[in-house]
Amino acid sequence: MANAIEKRLPKPIRQSMRTLIAAALGLFLGLQYNDYIKKIVEMILPKTDGLLWETLILLGLTVVVVYATYFIQKALDGK
């Protein structure tokens, strides 16, 4: 089957398909983690002011994601 696909589709299209499939699976996994993290936060944090806690958690997670993205890119660049 792989040979049939390789014969019919040019290499750039196959690479794009791999990238899109990986992105779709990553999105699915991200949504699952979103539900999981919400449940953990609901168990740990008090139910007083949801908006304040959600804002603080969002800011904290944003910092973590920015640093993780920076270090991943740095590692991929080989620096």
PDB file of N, CA and C in Angstrom:
ATOM      1  N   MET A   1       0.822  -1.191   0.000  1.00  0.00           N
ATOM      2  CA  MET A   1       0.000   0.000   0.000  1.00  0.00           C
ATOM      3  C   MET A   1       0.862   1.248   0.000  1.00  0.00           C
ATOM      4  N   ALA A   2       1.935   1.249   0.806  1.00  0.00           N
ATOM      5  CA  ALA A   2       2.805   2.421   0.864  1.00  0.00           C
ATOM      6  C   ALA A   2       3.423   2.694  -0.499  1.00  0.00           C
ATOM      7  N   ASN A   3       3.801   1.668  -1.217  1.00  0.00           N
ATOM      8  CA  ASN A   3       4.392   1.868  -2.535  1.00  0.00           C
ATOM      9  C   ASN A   3       3.399   2.476  -3.506  1.00  0.00           C
ATOM     10  N   ALA A   4       2.132   2.079  -3.418  1.00  0.00           N
ATOM     11  CA  ALA A   4       1.110   2.635  -4.306  1.00  0.00           C
ATOM     12  C   ALA A   4       0.928   4.126  -4.044  1.00  0.00           C
ATOM     13  N   ILE A   5       0.939   4.510  -2.779  1.00  0.00           N
ATOM     14  CA  ILE A   5       0.805   5.932  -2.434  1.00  0.00           C
ATOM     15  C   ILE A   5       2.042   6.697  -2.891  1.00  0.00           C
ATOM     16  N   GLU A   6       3.215   6.113  -2.691  1.00  0.00           N
ATOM     17  CA  GLU A   6       4.447   6.781  -3.108  1.00  0.00           C
ATOM     18  C   GLU A   6       4.492   6.992  -4.614  1.00  0.00           C
ATOM     19  N   LYS A   7       3.945   6.067  -5.366  1.00  0.00           N
ATOM     20  CA  LYS A   7       3.951   6.197  -6.823  1.00  0.00           C
ATOM     21  C   LYS A   7       2.962   7.257  -7.302  1.00  0.00           C
ATOM     22  N   ARG A   8       1.849   7.433  -6.597  1.00  0.00           N
ATOM     23  CA  ARG A   8       0.803   8.342  -7.062  1.00  0.00           C
ATOM     24  C   ARG A   8       1.001   9.783  -6.607  1.00  0.00           C
ATOM     25  N   LEU A   9       1.531   9.970  -5.413  1.00  0.00           N
ATOM     26  CA  LEU A   9       1.628  11.320  -4.855  1.00  0.00           C
ATOM     27  C   LEU A   9       3.079  11.800  -4.821  1.00  0.00           C
ATOM     28  N   PRO A  10       3.301  13.036  -5.218  1.00  0.00           N
ATOM     29  CA  PRO A  10       4.659  13.581  -5.122  1.00  0.00           C
ATOM     30  C   PRO A  10       5.108  13.730  -3.666  1.00  0.00           C
ATOM     31  N   LYS A  11       6.409  13.767  -3.472  1.00  0.00           N
ATOM     32  CA  LYS A  11       6.982  13.824  -2.128  1.00  0.00           C
ATOM     33  C   LYS A  11       6.494  15.031  -1.315  1.00  0.00           C
ATOM     34  N   PRO A  12       6.415  16.262  -1.876  1.00  0.00           N
ATOM     35  CA  PRO A  12       5.924  17.388  -1.062  1.00  0.00           C
ATOM     36  C   PRO A  12       4.502  17.192  -0.546  1.00  0.00           C
ATOM     37  N   ILE A  13       3.666  16.546  -1.344  1.00  0.00           N
ATOM     38  CA  ILE A  13       2.287  16.306  -0.903  1.00  0.00           C
ATOM     39  C   ILE A  13       2.273  15.280   0.218  1.00  0.00           C
ATOM     40  N   ARG A  14       3.065  14.228   0.102  1.00  0.00           N
ATOM     41  CA  ARG A  14       3.141  13.221   1.177  1.00  0.00           C
ATOM     42  C   ARG A  14       3.647  13.853   2.467  1.00  0.00           C
ATOM     43  N   GLN A  15       4.650  14.736   2.365  1.00  0.00           N
ATOM     44  CA  GLN A  15       5.171  15.398   3.560  1.00  0.00           C
ATOM     45  C   GLN A  15       4.113  16.300   4.190  1.00  0.00           C
ATOM     46  N   SER A  16       3.356  17.010   3.351  1.00  0.00           N
ATOM     47  CA  SER A  16       2.278  17.861   3.869  1.00  0.00           C
ATOM     48  C   SER A  16       1.214  17.027   4.559  1.00  0.00           C
ATOM     49  N   MET A  17       0.889  15.871   3.983  1.00  0.00           N
ATOM     50  CA  MET A  17      -0.106  14.995   4.595  1.00  0.00           C
ATOM     51  C   MET A  17       0.368  14.510   5.964  1.00  0.00           C
ATOM     52  N   ARG A  18       1.637  14.133   6.061  1.00  0.00           N
ATOM     53  CA  ARG A  18       2.176  13.706   7.359  1.00  0.00           C
ATOM     54  C   ARG A  18       2.081  14.827   8.381  1.00  0.00           C
ATOM     55  N   THR A  19       2.427  16.034   7.952  1.00  0.00           N
ATOM     56  CA  THR A  19       2.386  17.175   8.864  1.00  0.00           C
ATOM     57  C   THR A  19       0.961  17.459   9.326  1.00  0.00           C
ATOM     58  N   LEU A  20       0.013  17.428   8.406  1.00  0.00           N
ATOM     59  CA  LEU A  20      -1.378  17.701   8.766  1.00  0.00           C
ATOM     60  C   LEU A  20      -1.956  16.626   9.685  1.00  0.00           C
ATOM     61  N   ILE A  21      -1.615  15.379   9.423  1.00  0.00           N
ATOM     62  CA  ILE A  21      -2.088  14.295  10.296  1.00  0.00           C
ATOM     63  C   ILE A  21      -1.496  14.435  11.692  1.00  0.00           C
ATOM     64  N   ALA A  22      -0.219  14.754  11.780  1.00  0.00           N
ATOM     65  CA  ALA A  22       0.422  14.945  13.084  1.00  0.00           C
ATOM     66  C   ALA A  22      -0.204  16.131  13.824  1.00  0.00           C
ATOM     67  N   ALA A  23      -0.508  17.208  13.101  1.00  0.00           N
ATOM     68  CA  ALA A  23      -1.139  18.371  13.728  1.00  0.00           C
ATOM     69  C   ALA A  23      -2.533  18.028  14.233  1.00  0.00           C
ATOM     70  N   ALA A  24      -3.287  17.264  13.462  1.00  0.00           N
ATOM     71  CA  ALA A  24      -4.635  16.869  13.885  1.00  0.00           C
ATOM     72  C   ALA A  24      -4.581  15.997  15.134  1.00  0.00           C
ATOM     73  N   LEU A  25      -3.659  15.068  15.175  1.00  0.00           N
ATOM     74  CA  LEU A  25      -3.512  14.221  16.367  1.00  0.00           C
ATOM     75  C   LEU A  25      -3.052  15.048  17.568  1.00  0.00           C
ATOM     76  N   GLY A  26      -2.182  16.006  17.323  1.00  0.00           N
ATOM     77  CA  GLY A  26      -1.743  16.896  18.402  1.00  0.00           C
ATOM     78  C   GLY A  26      -2.881  17.728  18.948  1.00  0.00           C
ATOM     79  N   LEU A  27      -3.751  18.218  18.063  1.00  0.00           N
ATOM     80  CA  LEU A  27      -4.918  18.978  18.501  1.00  0.00           C
ATOM     81  C   LEU A  27      -5.844  18.107  19.341  1.00  0.00           C
ATOM     82  N   PHE A  28      -6.091  16.903  18.887  1.00  0.00           N
ATOM     83  CA  PHE A  28      -6.932  15.967  19.647  1.00  0.00           C
ATOM     84  C   PHE A  28      -6.346  15.724  21.039  1.00  0.00           C
ATOM     85  N   LEU A  29      -5.041  15.469  21.092  1.00  0.00           N
ATOM     86  CA  LEU A  29      -4.392  15.225  22.376  1.00  0.00           C
ATOM     87  C   LEU A  29      -4.460  16.463  23.266  1.00  0.00           C
ATOM     88  N   GLY A  30      -4.278  17.633  22.661  1.00  0.00           N
ATOM     89  CA  GLY A  30      -4.355  18.877  23.425  1.00  0.00           C
ATOM     90  C   GLY A  30      -5.728  19.087  24.040  1.00  0.00           C
ATOM     91  N   LEU A  31      -6.777  18.759  23.306  1.00  0.00           N
ATOM     92  CA  LEU A  31      -8.124  18.890  23.848  1.00  0.00           C
ATOM     93  C   LEU A  31      -8.358  17.923  25.008  1.00  0.00           C
ATOM     94  N   GLN A  32      -7.800  16.729  24.894  1.00  0.00           N
ATOM     95  CA  GLN A  32      -7.928  15.768  25.990  1.00  0.00           C
ATOM     96  C   GLN A  32      -7.195  16.260  27.238  1.00  0.00           C
ATOM     97  N   TYR A  33      -6.000  16.812  27.040  1.00  0.00           N
ATOM     98  CA  TYR A  33      -5.255  17.369  28.172  1.00  0.00           C
ATOM     99  C   TYR A  33      -6.006  18.551  28.776  1.00  0.00           C
ATOM    100  N   ASN A  34      -6.686  19.331  27.955  1.00  0.00           N
ATOM    101  CA  ASN A  34      -7.456  20.460  28.453  1.00  0.00           C
ATOM    102  C   ASN A  34      -8.506  19.989  29.457  1.00  0.00           C
ATOM    103  N   ASP A  35      -9.254  18.967  29.114  1.00  0.00           N
ATOM    104  CA  ASP A  35     -10.259  18.428  30.037  1.00  0.00           C
ATOM    105  C   ASP A  35      -9.610  17.893  31.305  1.00  0.00           C
ATOM    106  N   TYR A  36      -8.496  17.199  31.148  1.00  0.00           N
ATOM    107  CA  TYR A  36      -7.797  16.619  32.290  1.00  0.00           C
ATOM    108  C   TYR A  36      -7.304  17.702  33.248  1.00  0.00           C
ATOM    109  N   ILE A  37      -6.697  18.736  32.698  1.00  0.00           N
ATOM    110  CA  ILE A  37      -6.167  19.820  33.530  1.00  0.00           C
ATOM    111  C   ILE A  37      -7.298  20.570  34.223  1.00  0.00           C
ATOM    112  N   LYS A  38      -8.420  20.761  33.541  1.00  0.00           N
ATOM    113  CA  LYS A  38      -9.571  21.414  34.166  1.00  0.00           C
ATOM    114  C   LYS A  38     -10.037  20.637  35.381  1.00  0.00           C
ATOM    115  N   LYS A  39     -10.105  19.327  35.269  1.00  0.00           N
ATOM    116  CA  LYS A  39     -10.553  18.506  36.388  1.00  0.00           C
ATOM    117  C   LYS A  39      -9.572  18.592  37.564  1.00  0.00           C
ATOM    118  N   ILE A  40      -8.283  18.594  37.263  1.00  0.00           N
ATOM    119  CA  ILE A  40      -7.282  18.710  38.330  1.00  0.00           C
ATOM    120  C   ILE A  40      -7.394  20.058  39.029  1.00  0.00           C
ATOM    121  N   VAL A  41      -7.535  21.118  38.249  1.00  0.00           N
ATOM    122  CA  VAL A  41      -7.651  22.460  38.830  1.00  0.00           C
ATOM    123  C   VAL A  41      -8.896  22.559  39.692  1.00  0.00           C
ATOM    124  N   GLU A  42     -10.002  21.992  39.249  1.00  0.00           N
ATOM    125  CA  GLU A  42     -11.234  22.025  40.040  1.00  0.00           C
ATOM    126  C   GLU A  42     -11.068  21.281  41.361  1.00  0.00           C
ATOM    127  N   MET A  43     -10.261  20.227  41.376  1.00  0.00           N
ATOM    128  CA  MET A  43     -10.044  19.475  42.610  1.00  0.00           C
ATOM    129  C   MET A  43      -9.136  20.236  43.577  1.00  0.00           C
ATOM    130  N   ILE A  44      -8.141  20.951  43.047  1.00  0.00           N
ATOM    131  CA  ILE A  44      -7.123  21.577  43.895  1.00  0.00           C
ATOM    132  C   ILE A  44      -7.537  22.956  44.397  1.00  0.00           C
ATOM    133  N   LEU A  45      -8.049  23.783  43.519  1.00  0.00           N
ATOM    134  CA  LEU A  45      -8.306  25.173  43.864  1.00  0.00           C
ATOM    135  C   LEU A  45      -9.689  25.363  44.460  1.00  0.00           C
ATOM    136  N   PRO A  46      -9.799  26.327  45.363  1.00  0.00           N
ATOM    137  CA  PRO A  46     -11.123  26.608  45.941  1.00  0.00           C
ATOM    138  C   PRO A  46     -12.061  27.204  44.898  1.00  0.00           C
ATOM    139  N   LYS A  47     -13.336  27.108  45.157  1.00  0.00           N
ATOM    140  CA  LYS A  47     -14.354  27.543  44.204  1.00  0.00           C
ATOM    141  C   LYS A  47     -14.773  29.006  44.431  1.00  0.00           C
ATOM    142  N   THR A  48     -13.901  29.844  44.978  1.00  0.00           N
ATOM    143  CA  THR A  48     -14.294  31.211  45.322  1.00  0.00           C
ATOM    144  C   THR A  48     -14.482  32.093  44.100  1.00  0.00           C
ATOM    145  N   ASP A  49     -13.407  32.471  43.448  1.00  0.00           N
ATOM    146  CA  ASP A  49     -13.498  33.354  42.294  1.00  0.00           C
ATOM    147  C   ASP A  49     -12.880  32.653  41.098  1.00  0.00           C
ATOM    148  N   GLY A  50     -13.713  31.997  40.322  1.00  0.00           N
ATOM    149  CA  GLY A  50     -13.231  31.201  39.205  1.00  0.00           C
ATOM    150  C   GLY A  50     -12.475  32.003  38.165  1.00  0.00           C
ATOM    151  N   LEU A  51     -12.922  33.219  37.891  1.00  0.00           N
ATOM    152  CA  LEU A  51     -12.289  34.021  36.855  1.00  0.00           C
ATOM    153  C   LEU A  51     -10.865  34.410  37.250  1.00  0.00           C
ATOM    154  N   LEU A  52     -10.664  34.777  38.503  1.00  0.00           N
ATOM    155  CA  LEU A  52      -9.323  35.137  38.966  1.00  0.00           C
ATOM    156  C   LEU A  52      -8.375  33.950  38.859  1.00  0.00           C
ATOM    157  N   TRP A  53      -8.815  32.789  39.334  1.00  0.00           N
ATOM    158  CA  TRP A  53      -7.956  31.601  39.274  1.00  0.00           C
ATOM    159  C   TRP A  53      -7.689  31.180  37.841  1.00  0.00           C
ATOM    160  N   GLU A  54      -8.695  31.234  36.998  1.00  0.00           N
ATOM    161  CA  GLU A  54      -8.506  30.860  35.597  1.00  0.00           C
ATOM    162  C   GLU A  54      -7.511  31.796  34.912  1.00  0.00           C
ATOM    163  N   THR A  55      -7.576  33.075  35.255  1.00  0.00           N
ATOM    164  CA  THR A  55      -6.638  34.041  34.678  1.00  0.00           C
ATOM    165  C   THR A  55      -5.215  33.746  35.134  1.00  0.00           C
ATOM    166  N   LEU A  56      -5.032  33.476  36.412  1.00  0.00           N
ATOM    167  CA  LEU A  56      -3.692  33.170  36.929  1.00  0.00           C
ATOM    168  C   LEU A  56      -3.147  31.881  36.320  1.00  0.00           C
ATOM    169  N   ILE A  57      -3.980  30.878  36.208  1.00  0.00           N
ATOM    170  CA  ILE A  57      -3.548  29.608  35.619  1.00  0.00           C
ATOM    171  C   ILE A  57      -3.212  29.802  34.146  1.00  0.00           C
ATOM    172  N   LEU A  58      -4.033  30.555  33.440  1.00  0.00           N
ATOM    173  CA  LEU A  58      -3.783  30.820  32.030  1.00  0.00           C
ATOM    174  C   LEU A  58      -2.455  31.546  31.829  1.00  0.00           C
ATOM    175  N   LEU A  59      -2.179  32.539  32.655  1.00  0.00           N
ATOM    176  CA  LEU A  59      -0.904  33.252  32.555  1.00  0.00           C
ATOM    177  C   LEU A  59       0.273  32.326  32.857  1.00  0.00           C
ATOM    178  N   GLY A  60       0.143  31.502  33.879  1.00  0.00           N
ATOM    179  CA  GLY A  60       1.205  30.559  34.221  1.00  0.00           C
ATOM    180  C   GLY A  60       1.456  29.546  33.119  1.00  0.00           C
ATOM    181  N   LEU A  61       0.394  28.993  32.574  1.00  0.00           N
ATOM    182  CA  LEU A  61       0.547  28.028  31.490  1.00  0.00           C
ATOM    183  C   LEU A  61       1.119  28.670  30.239  1.00  0.00           C
ATOM    184  N   THR A  62       0.766  29.929  29.989  1.00  0.00           N
ATOM    185  CA  THR A  62       1.314  30.639  28.837  1.00  0.00           C
ATOM    186  C   THR A  62       2.820  30.783  28.968  1.00  0.00           C
ATOM    187  N   VAL A  63       3.291  31.129  30.151  1.00  0.00           N
ATOM    188  CA  VAL A  63       4.734  31.253  30.382  1.00  0.00           C
ATOM    189  C   VAL A  63       5.424  29.909  30.159  1.00  0.00           C
ATOM    190  N   VAL A  64       4.832  28.847  30.668  1.00  0.00           N
ATOM    191  CA  VAL A  64       5.412  27.512  30.497  1.00  0.00           C
ATOM    192  C   VAL A  64       5.479  27.134  29.019  1.00  0.00           C
ATOM    193  N   VAL A  65       4.414  27.389  28.268  1.00  0.00           N
ATOM    194  CA  VAL A  65       4.379  27.029  26.847  1.00  0.00           C
ATOM    195  C   VAL A  65       5.380  27.855  26.051  1.00  0.00           C
ATOM    196  N   VAL A  66       5.508  29.138  26.370  1.00  0.00           N
ATOM    197  CA  VAL A  66       6.469  29.987  25.655  1.00  0.00           C
ATOM    198  C   VAL A  66       7.891  29.482  25.890  1.00  0.00           C
ATOM    199  N   TYR A  67       8.233  29.192  27.141  1.00  0.00           N
ATOM    200  CA  TYR A  67       9.576  28.678  27.425  1.00  0.00           C
ATOM    201  C   TYR A  67       9.799  27.307  26.773  1.00  0.00           C
ATOM    202  N   ALA A  68       8.811  26.449  26.840  1.00  0.00           N
ATOM    203  CA  ALA A  68       8.954  25.128  26.216  1.00  0.00           C
ATOM    204  C   ALA A  68       9.161  25.255  24.718  1.00  0.00           C
ATOM    205  N   THR A  69       8.395  26.127  24.075  1.00  0.00           N
ATOM    206  CA  THR A  69       8.550  26.344  22.643  1.00  0.00           C
ATOM    207  C   THR A  69       9.927  26.893  22.310  1.00  0.00           C
ATOM    208  N   TYR A  70      10.399  27.821  23.123  1.00  0.00           N
ATOM    209  CA  TYR A  70      11.728  28.397  22.920  1.00  0.00           C
ATOM    210  C   TYR A  70      12.817  27.322  23.003  1.00  0.00           C
ATOM    211  N   PHE A  71      12.758  26.492  24.039  1.00  0.00           N
ATOM    212  CA  PHE A  71      13.786  25.472  24.218  1.00  0.00           C
ATOM    213  C   PHE A  71      13.704  24.373  23.156  1.00  0.00           C
ATOM    214  N   ILE A  72      12.507  24.028  22.737  1.00  0.00           N
ATOM    215  CA  ILE A  72      12.354  23.036  21.668  1.00  0.00           C
ATOM    216  C   ILE A  72      12.938  23.568  20.368  1.00  0.00           C
ATOM    217  N   GLN A  73      12.636  24.819  20.048  1.00  0.00           N
ATOM    218  CA  GLN A  73      13.175  25.412  18.823  1.00  0.00           C
ATOM    219  C   GLN A  73      14.695  25.513  18.886  1.00  0.00           C
ATOM    220  N   LYS A  74      15.208  25.866  20.053  1.00  0.00           N
ATOM    221  CA  LYS A  74      16.656  25.961  20.245  1.00  0.00           C
ATOM    222  C   LYS A  74      17.304  24.594  20.053  1.00  0.00           C
ATOM    223  N   ALA A  75      16.678  23.550  20.571  1.00  0.00           N
ATOM    224  CA  ALA A  75      17.215  22.193  20.424  1.00  0.00           C
ATOM    225  C   ALA A  75      17.157  21.740  18.970  1.00  0.00           C
ATOM    226  N   LEU A  76      16.089  22.081  18.266  1.00  0.00           N
ATOM    227  CA  LEU A  76      15.957  21.674  16.864  1.00  0.00           C
ATOM    228  C   LEU A  76      16.943  22.420  15.970  1.00  0.00           C
ATOM    229  N   ASP A  77      17.265  23.646  16.346  1.00  0.00           N
ATOM    230  CA  ASP A  77      18.235  24.424  15.576  1.00  0.00           C
ATOM    231  C   ASP A  77      19.676  23.968  15.840  1.00  0.00           C
ATOM    232  N   GLY A  78      19.858  23.186  16.902  1.00  0.00           N
ATOM    233  CA  GLY A  78      21.178  22.664  17.230  1.00  0.00           C
ATOM    234  C   GLY A  78      22.065  23.658  17.946  1.00  0.00           C
ATOM    235  N   LYS A  79      21.482  24.623  18.612  1.00  0.00           N
ATOM    236  CA  LYS A  79      22.282  25.641  19.329  1.00  0.00           C
ATOM    237  C   LYS A  79      22.310  25.346  20.808  1.00  0.00           C
TER     238      LYS A  79
END
